[in-house]
Amino acid sequence: MGAGAFFRVEGTLIPQGAVSAAAYFAANGNGFRERALRLGHLAVAGPVYSILGQSDRTLANRLTYLSLRNMSRDRVAILADEYFNDIVKDRVLEGGIELLRKARKQGHRVVLISDGLSEIIEPLANELRHVDDFICNHLEYRNDKTTGRLLDPVVGGHDSVKWAQRYAEEHDFDLEESVVYAAHGPDMLLMSAVGFPCAVNPDFTLRRAAREADWPVMDYHV
């Protein structure tokens, strides 16, 4: 059996997260009133995200992306392209790229797990070139406008471990021989499911858990 290398994108490969992307979209809405409403929503959701981000990022992501409600599909596509090229593309962490290369050299199947939207994560996966697959969040659309909801399964919480287990079965590799690089508290269950977990630039919750579980910790420039 083969092995996989799961990378939590936020924190290991890019410093930006869901709030950063949502804020960019909100700040570039059509007209002052729209921008004010969207940024006002984020002003409320931001502190909640900070609290929930270390325990339940699923709910935190749902609240954050509500700020995009009623944005047209075309506008989302344009802003996602701008955000990727202006904010994300040239700020990929070199330490993360080295870990990707290492995983590929070891013959692992490289899989990205991200809180981000498909419109941003898909071009990132293509740009990195060492990636076999990815899972991320998808906006729900009705009549070519976002509802503000995310399609299930929502990425960000403890359910990542169930997805990884199914993925390993489908692709015939052994989680005991696999590695997870993660940065956030909600990834603890996923890390516990593999033979080689590694905390990368961890938040407070994950750093403490890594210390207690004797997991290796890596810190590189963010």
Protein backbone atom coordinates (compact mmCIF):
# COMPACT_ATOMS: atom_id res chain seq x y z
CA MET A 1 0.00 0.00 0.00
CA GLY A 2 1.06 3.56 -0.65
CA ALA A 3 0.93 6.55 1.66
CA GLY A 4 -0.53 10.03 1.60
CA ALA A 5 0.64 13.47 2.64
CA PHE A 6 -2.20 15.73 3.76
CA PHE A 7 -1.52 19.46 3.91
CA ARG A 8 -3.79 21.91 5.68
CA VAL A 9 -3.31 24.83 3.29
CA GLU A 10 -3.91 27.64 5.78
CA GLY A 11 -0.83 28.02 7.93
CA THR A 12 1.38 25.46 6.19
CA LEU A 13 1.33 26.73 2.59
CA ILE A 14 -0.22 30.20 2.74
CA PRO A 15 -0.61 32.63 5.65
CA GLN A 16 -4.03 33.87 4.50
CA GLY A 17 -7.27 32.21 5.56
CA ALA A 18 -11.00 32.44 5.01
CA VAL A 19 -11.39 35.82 6.69
CA SER A 20 -8.69 37.36 4.50
CA ALA A 21 -10.38 36.14 1.31
CA ALA A 22 -13.86 37.16 2.45
CA ALA A 23 -12.56 40.62 3.41
CA TYR A 24 -11.04 41.06 -0.05
CA PHE A 25 -14.33 40.11 -1.70
CA ALA A 26 -16.31 42.38 0.62
CA ALA A 27 -14.01 45.36 0.12
CA ASN A 28 -14.37 45.04 -3.64
CA GLY A 29 -18.14 44.83 -3.80
CA ASN A 30 -20.08 46.95 -6.29
CA GLY A 31 -20.76 50.32 -4.71
CA PHE A 32 -20.25 51.86 -1.29
CA ARG A 33 -23.45 50.47 0.25
CA GLU A 34 -22.64 46.88 -0.73
CA ARG A 35 -19.07 47.17 0.54
CA ALA A 36 -20.24 48.67 3.83
CA LEU A 37 -22.80 45.92 4.41
CA ARG A 38 -20.38 43.12 3.62
CA LEU A 39 -17.55 44.58 5.70
CA GLY A 40 -20.02 45.22 8.52
CA HIS A 41 -20.91 41.53 8.54
CA LEU A 42 -17.24 40.60 8.71
CA ALA A 43 -16.68 43.06 11.56
CA VAL A 44 -19.13 40.95 13.56
CA ALA A 45 -18.03 37.57 12.23
CA GLY A 46 -14.29 38.24 12.62
CA PRO A 47 -14.11 38.06 16.44
CA VAL A 48 -16.37 35.00 16.40
CA TYR A 49 -14.04 33.36 13.90
CA SER A 50 -11.07 34.07 16.17
CA ILE A 51 -12.81 32.29 19.03
CA LEU A 52 -14.18 29.36 17.03
CA GLY A 53 -11.15 29.03 14.77
CA GLN A 54 -9.28 26.90 17.29
CA SER A 55 -12.21 24.58 18.01
CA ASP A 56 -14.90 24.58 15.27
CA ARG A 57 -13.78 26.10 11.99
CA THR A 58 -16.80 24.63 10.19
CA LEU A 59 -19.20 27.04 11.89
CA ALA A 60 -16.62 29.81 11.69
CA ASN A 61 -16.34 29.34 7.92
CA ARG A 62 -20.11 29.30 7.50
CA LEU A 63 -20.39 32.63 9.32
CA THR A 64 -17.52 34.18 7.39
CA TYR A 65 -18.74 33.32 3.90
CA LEU A 66 -22.24 34.62 4.67
CA SER A 67 -20.73 38.02 3.89
CA LEU A 68 -20.72 37.05 0.19
CA ARG A 69 -24.50 36.57 0.02
CA ASN A 70 -26.09 37.79 -3.25
CA MET A 71 -22.76 38.31 -5.00
CA SER A 72 -22.96 37.25 -8.64
CA ARG A 73 -21.11 34.21 -9.92
CA ASP A 74 -19.21 36.36 -12.42
CA ARG A 75 -18.14 38.81 -9.71
CA VAL A 76 -16.94 35.96 -7.48
CA ALA A 77 -14.88 34.56 -10.37
CA ILE A 78 -13.29 37.94 -11.13
CA LEU A 79 -12.43 38.70 -7.49
CA ALA A 80 -11.15 35.18 -6.87
CA ASP A 81 -8.79 35.52 -9.83
CA GLU A 82 -7.58 38.89 -8.56
CA TYR A 83 -7.17 37.60 -5.01
CA PHE A 84 -5.18 34.59 -6.13
CA ASN A 85 -2.86 36.55 -8.42
CA ASP A 86 -2.43 39.64 -6.21
CA ILE A 87 -2.49 38.14 -2.70
CA VAL A 88 -1.85 34.39 -2.74
CA LYS A 89 0.31 33.42 -5.71
CA ASP A 90 3.53 35.16 -4.70
CA ARG A 91 3.13 34.59 -0.96
CA VAL A 92 3.22 30.81 -0.81
CA LEU A 93 5.48 29.86 2.09
CA GLU A 94 8.81 28.46 1.00
CA GLY A 95 8.87 26.08 3.93
CA GLY A 96 5.59 24.61 2.72
CA ILE A 97 6.92 24.20 -0.81
CA GLU A 98 9.88 22.27 0.57
CA LEU A 99 7.54 19.95 2.46
CA LEU A 100 5.57 19.36 -0.75
CA ARG A 101 8.75 18.46 -2.59
CA LYS A 102 9.79 16.13 0.20
CA ALA A 103 6.42 14.36 0.15
CA ARG A 104 6.58 13.94 -3.61
CA LYS A 105 10.16 12.62 -3.42
CA GLN A 106 9.04 10.04 -0.86
CA GLY A 107 6.34 8.85 -3.24
CA HIS A 108 3.39 10.11 -1.16
CA ARG A 109 0.08 11.06 -2.73
CA VAL A 110 -0.17 14.80 -1.97
CA VAL A 111 -3.58 16.09 -0.92
CA LEU A 112 -4.51 19.64 0.09
CA ILE A 113 -7.25 20.33 2.65
CA SER A 114 -8.44 23.92 2.75
CA ASP A 115 -11.04 26.24 4.30
CA GLY A 116 -10.74 28.28 1.10
CA LEU A 117 -13.10 28.50 -1.84
CA SER A 118 -12.67 26.33 -4.92
CA GLU A 119 -12.24 29.45 -7.07
CA ILE A 120 -9.00 30.17 -5.17
CA ILE A 121 -7.73 26.72 -4.16
CA GLU A 122 -7.98 25.10 -7.59
CA PRO A 123 -5.55 27.58 -9.23
CA LEU A 124 -3.30 27.27 -6.18
CA ALA A 125 -3.17 23.48 -6.56
CA ASN A 126 -2.36 23.88 -10.25
CA GLU A 127 0.35 26.44 -9.49
CA LEU A 128 2.07 24.23 -6.89
CA ARG A 129 2.37 21.32 -9.37
CA HIS A 130 3.27 18.78 -6.68
CA VAL A 131 -0.41 18.24 -5.78
CA ASP A 132 -2.47 15.15 -6.65
CA ASP A 133 -5.80 16.21 -5.20
CA PHE A 134 -7.53 18.75 -2.98
CA ILE A 135 -10.69 19.31 -0.98
CA CYS A 136 -12.02 22.77 -0.24
CA ASN A 137 -15.23 24.75 0.22
CA HIS A 138 -17.78 25.52 -2.48
CA LEU A 139 -20.29 28.35 -2.48
CA GLU A 140 -23.94 27.57 -3.13
CA TYR A 141 -25.47 29.49 -6.04
CA ARG A 142 -29.08 30.17 -7.00
CA ASN A 143 -29.89 32.08 -10.16
CA ASP A 144 -26.17 32.77 -10.55
CA LYS A 145 -25.93 34.52 -7.17
CA THR A 146 -24.45 33.18 -3.96
CA THR A 147 -26.83 32.28 -1.16
CA GLY A 148 -24.08 32.89 1.39
CA ARG A 149 -24.10 29.19 2.22
CA LEU A 150 -21.42 26.58 1.69
CA LEU A 151 -22.17 23.25 0.06
CA ASP A 152 -21.70 20.15 2.19
CA PRO A 153 -19.29 18.83 3.23
CA VAL A 154 -17.98 22.06 4.75
CA VAL A 155 -14.23 21.87 5.25
CA GLY A 156 -12.68 23.24 8.41
CA GLY A 157 -13.73 21.16 11.37
CA HIS A 158 -13.19 17.75 12.88
CA ASP A 159 -14.86 15.95 9.95
CA SER A 160 -11.60 16.15 7.99
CA VAL A 161 -10.53 12.88 9.57
CA LYS A 162 -13.59 11.05 8.17
CA TRP A 163 -12.91 12.45 4.72
CA ALA A 164 -9.23 11.43 4.92
CA GLN A 165 -10.18 7.89 5.98
CA ARG A 166 -12.56 7.52 3.04
CA TYR A 167 -9.98 9.00 0.70
CA ALA A 168 -7.30 6.56 1.89
CA GLU A 169 -9.65 3.61 1.32
CA GLU A 170 -10.58 4.82 -2.17
CA HIS A 171 -6.95 5.30 -3.19
CA ASP A 172 -5.59 2.24 -1.38
CA PHE A 173 -3.03 3.78 0.92
CA ASP A 174 -2.27 3.29 4.59
CA LEU A 175 -2.91 6.14 7.02
CA GLU A 176 -0.40 4.59 9.42
CA GLU A 177 2.27 5.28 6.81
CA SER A 178 0.89 8.73 5.98
CA VAL A 179 1.72 12.21 7.18
CA VAL A 180 -0.37 15.27 8.04
CA TYR A 181 0.99 18.81 8.14
CA ALA A 182 -1.48 21.05 9.97
CA ALA A 183 -1.61 24.35 11.81
CA HIS A 184 -4.92 24.52 13.67
CA GLY A 185 -6.64 22.98 16.66
CA PRO A 186 -9.53 21.38 14.70
CA ASP A 187 -6.96 19.26 12.82
CA MET A 188 -6.01 17.29 15.93
CA LEU A 189 -8.27 14.33 15.10
CA LEU A 190 -6.90 14.17 11.58
CA MET A 191 -3.37 14.24 12.92
CA SER A 192 -4.18 11.47 15.40
CA ALA A 193 -5.36 9.25 12.53
CA VAL A 194 -1.99 9.08 10.76
CA GLY A 195 1.33 7.57 11.65
CA PHE A 196 3.34 10.76 11.14
CA PRO A 197 1.60 13.97 12.25
CA CYS A 198 3.48 17.27 12.24
CA ALA A 199 2.30 20.62 13.58
CA VAL A 200 3.41 23.48 11.32
CA ASN A 201 3.23 27.09 12.53
CA PRO A 202 0.60 25.85 15.01
CA ASP A 203 -1.97 27.98 16.79
CA PHE A 204 -2.11 27.91 20.59
CA THR A 205 -4.47 24.93 20.78
CA LEU A 206 -2.50 22.74 18.41
CA ARG A 207 0.87 23.73 19.86
CA ARG A 208 -0.26 22.64 23.30
CA ALA A 209 -1.72 19.39 21.93
CA ALA A 210 1.46 18.67 19.98
CA ARG A 211 3.54 19.16 23.09
CA GLU A 212 1.32 16.78 25.09
CA ALA A 213 1.23 14.17 22.29
CA ASP A 214 4.95 14.52 21.56
CA TRP A 215 4.31 15.42 17.92
CA PRO A 216 7.05 17.24 16.03
CA VAL A 217 6.54 21.00 15.58
CA MET A 218 7.89 23.10 12.73
CA ASP A 219 7.95 26.89 12.67
CA TYR A 220 8.96 28.79 9.57
CA HIS A 221 8.40 32.31 8.35
CA VAL A 222 4.74 33.19 7.77
